[in-house]
Amino acid sequence: MFPFPRINSVLFLLLIMCSYGTKAFGQQELVCPMDPLPVGWVVTAKKLCTCCSASSSTGEQWTITDIYNEEPGATHLVCANQEIPEGWIISDMKKCSCCSTTGVGAQWKLIKVEGLPSGTILEVCAAQECPDGWVIKDIKSCTCCNELGEAGAQMTIKKL
């Protein structure tokens, strides 16, 4: 018999509840680009491989990352030209070789805006809709937010 059976029971229940349904944040998988991505997963790299092809030719393989349960304010670098998960917004764009199998590709920096507190101010790329509950405070030119490395536009947004 433990000296504090009620405390031990509570700790045991908390341990079970905390471990139920948990998974590693940022979990990654290598996949063939044949099926739609699961909800909350994004493509973070592309490469050529001797896989993902029914013939003896070279195929393409993607690295995908689960960002569904990330904390508010979390950021991730992802390959451009894909669906952005709900609650995320593009905060920068740039060229990279990591997201192309034929030369130079483009990469987006995403930030999770869902769950951020009122009064939060962010600078994000202007070529997208302002998230619900946020207002545009300013729009300006910048050397960011352009996949070609040219001048882009950035907006300052605030959560009401």
Protein backbone atom coordinates (compact mmCIF):
# COMPACT_ATOMS: atom_id res chain seq x y z
CA MET A 1 0.00 0.00 0.00
CA PHE A 2 1.36 3.41 -1.01
CA PRO A 3 1.29 6.18 1.59
CA PHE A 4 -0.66 8.46 -0.82
CA PRO A 5 -2.89 6.20 -2.93
CA ARG A 6 -5.08 9.04 -4.23
CA ILE A 7 -2.06 11.02 -5.51
CA ASN A 8 -0.61 7.91 -7.18
CA SER A 9 -3.95 7.24 -8.89
CA VAL A 10 -4.17 10.83 -10.15
CA LEU A 11 -0.58 10.75 -11.45
CA PHE A 12 -1.25 7.44 -13.19
CA LEU A 13 -4.39 8.84 -14.88
CA LEU A 14 -2.53 12.01 -15.94
CA LEU A 15 0.25 9.90 -17.45
CA ILE A 16 -2.25 7.86 -19.45
CA MET A 17 -4.15 10.96 -20.61
CA CYS A 18 -0.97 12.78 -21.67
CA SER A 19 0.37 9.84 -23.66
CA TYR A 20 -2.91 9.09 -25.44
CA GLY A 21 -2.94 10.32 -29.02
CA THR A 22 0.42 12.07 -28.94
CA LYS A 23 2.77 12.07 -31.87
CA ALA A 24 6.03 13.74 -32.72
CA PHE A 25 5.75 17.28 -34.08
CA GLY A 26 7.33 17.72 -37.45
CA GLN A 27 7.20 14.00 -38.24
CA GLN A 28 8.67 13.41 -41.72
CA GLU A 29 8.10 10.75 -44.36
CA LEU A 30 9.59 10.04 -47.79
CA VAL A 31 6.80 9.43 -50.32
CA CYS A 32 6.13 9.07 -54.02
CA PRO A 33 4.09 12.05 -55.32
CA MET A 34 1.11 10.02 -56.50
CA ASP A 35 -1.63 10.64 -53.94
CA PRO A 36 -2.97 13.81 -52.31
CA LEU A 37 -1.24 14.70 -49.03
CA PRO A 38 -3.04 14.02 -45.76
CA VAL A 39 -4.53 17.04 -43.99
CA GLY A 40 -1.83 19.06 -42.21
CA TRP A 41 1.10 17.60 -44.19
CA VAL A 42 3.28 19.72 -46.50
CA VAL A 43 6.07 19.03 -49.01
CA THR A 44 9.40 20.23 -47.61
CA ALA A 45 11.81 18.80 -50.23
CA LYS A 46 11.88 17.07 -53.62
CA LYS A 47 14.61 14.89 -55.10
CA LEU A 48 15.27 12.42 -57.91
CA CYS A 49 15.59 8.78 -56.98
CA THR A 50 15.67 5.28 -58.46
CA CYS A 51 12.33 4.78 -56.77
CA CYS A 52 8.75 5.90 -57.42
CA SER A 53 8.82 4.76 -61.06
CA ALA A 54 7.37 1.61 -62.57
CA SER A 55 10.00 1.61 -65.32
CA SER A 56 13.75 1.71 -64.95
CA SER A 57 13.71 5.49 -65.30
CA THR A 58 14.39 7.91 -62.48
CA GLY A 59 11.45 8.94 -60.33
CA GLU A 60 10.73 11.84 -58.00
CA GLN A 61 10.48 11.49 -54.22
CA TRP A 62 9.09 14.03 -51.78
CA THR A 63 9.87 14.67 -48.14
CA ILE A 64 6.61 15.52 -46.41
CA THR A 65 6.25 16.95 -42.91
CA ASP A 66 3.29 16.91 -40.52
CA ILE A 67 2.66 20.47 -39.27
CA TYR A 68 -0.97 19.95 -38.18
CA ASN A 69 -0.47 20.14 -34.40
CA GLU A 70 2.26 22.77 -34.28
CA GLU A 71 2.03 25.55 -31.70
CA PRO A 72 0.84 29.06 -32.67
CA GLY A 73 3.74 31.08 -34.09
CA ALA A 74 5.62 27.99 -35.33
CA THR A 75 7.40 28.36 -38.68
CA HIS A 76 8.31 25.88 -41.42
CA LEU A 77 10.12 26.08 -44.75
CA VAL A 78 8.06 24.30 -47.41
CA CYS A 79 8.11 23.88 -51.17
CA ALA A 80 6.11 26.53 -53.02
CA ASN A 81 2.99 25.96 -55.12
CA GLN A 82 1.09 23.64 -52.82
CA GLU A 83 -2.02 24.01 -50.72
CA ILE A 84 -1.31 25.84 -47.46
CA PRO A 85 -2.85 24.15 -44.41
CA GLU A 86 -5.62 26.08 -42.69
CA GLY A 87 -4.34 28.44 -40.00
CA TRP A 88 -0.98 29.05 -41.75
CA ILE A 89 0.19 32.00 -43.88
CA ILE A 90 3.24 32.73 -46.08
CA SER A 91 5.73 35.07 -44.38
CA ASP A 92 8.52 34.87 -47.01
CA MET A 93 9.46 33.33 -50.37
CA LYS A 94 12.84 32.51 -51.89
CA LYS A 95 14.62 30.40 -54.48
CA CYS A 96 16.10 27.06 -53.48
CA SER A 97 17.39 23.86 -55.06
CA CYS A 98 15.67 21.78 -52.39
CA CYS A 99 12.24 21.99 -54.00
CA SER A 100 13.01 21.14 -57.60
CA THR A 101 14.26 18.11 -59.48
CA THR A 102 14.91 20.09 -62.67
CA GLY A 103 16.85 23.15 -61.47
CA VAL A 104 16.00 25.97 -59.11
CA GLY A 105 12.71 25.76 -57.25
CA ALA A 106 10.95 27.99 -54.79
CA GLN A 107 10.43 27.77 -51.06
CA TRP A 108 7.88 29.43 -48.77
CA LYS A 109 8.29 30.21 -45.09
CA LEU A 110 4.99 29.50 -43.35
CA ILE A 111 3.93 30.77 -39.94
CA LYS A 112 1.03 29.37 -37.92
CA VAL A 113 -1.30 32.28 -37.16
CA GLU A 114 -4.13 30.19 -35.76
CA GLY A 115 -4.22 30.57 -31.98
CA LEU A 116 -2.01 33.66 -31.77
CA PRO A 117 -3.28 36.20 -29.18
CA SER A 118 -5.08 39.44 -30.03
CA GLY A 119 -2.69 42.31 -30.61
CA THR A 120 -0.10 40.13 -32.40
CA ILE A 121 1.53 41.97 -35.32
CA LEU A 122 3.22 40.08 -38.18
CA GLU A 123 4.89 40.94 -41.48
CA VAL A 124 3.75 38.51 -44.19
CA CYS A 125 3.72 38.31 -47.98
CA ALA A 126 1.07 40.51 -49.58
CA ALA A 127 0.09 38.15 -52.43
CA GLN A 128 -2.44 36.25 -50.28
CA GLU A 129 -5.63 36.86 -48.35
CA CYS A 130 -5.46 38.30 -44.87
CA PRO A 131 -6.56 35.61 -42.35
CA ASP A 132 -9.96 35.91 -40.67
CA GLY A 133 -9.77 38.04 -37.52
CA TRP A 134 -6.72 39.94 -38.80
CA VAL A 135 -6.51 43.40 -40.42
CA ILE A 136 -3.94 44.91 -42.78
CA LYS A 137 -2.08 47.79 -41.13
CA ASP A 138 0.42 48.54 -43.94
CA ILE A 139 1.70 47.32 -47.33
CA LYS A 140 5.23 48.05 -48.54
CA SER A 141 7.86 46.97 -51.08
CA CYS A 142 10.58 44.63 -49.92
CA THR A 143 13.37 42.39 -51.18
CA CYS A 144 11.38 39.47 -49.81
CA CYS A 145 8.22 37.63 -50.80
CA ASN A 146 9.31 36.94 -54.37
CA GLU A 147 10.33 33.49 -55.55
CA LEU A 148 12.56 35.00 -58.26
CA GLY A 149 14.58 37.10 -55.82
CA GLU A 150 13.15 40.33 -57.22
CA ALA A 151 11.25 43.06 -55.37
CA GLY A 152 8.13 41.84 -53.65
CA ALA A 153 5.44 43.23 -51.38
CA GLN A 154 4.91 42.68 -47.70
CA MET A 155 1.93 43.52 -45.53
CA THR A 156 1.87 44.21 -41.81
CA ILE A 157 -1.14 42.51 -40.24
CA LYS A 158 -2.59 42.66 -36.74
CA LYS A 159 -4.89 40.22 -34.96
CA LEU A 160 -7.90 41.96 -33.46
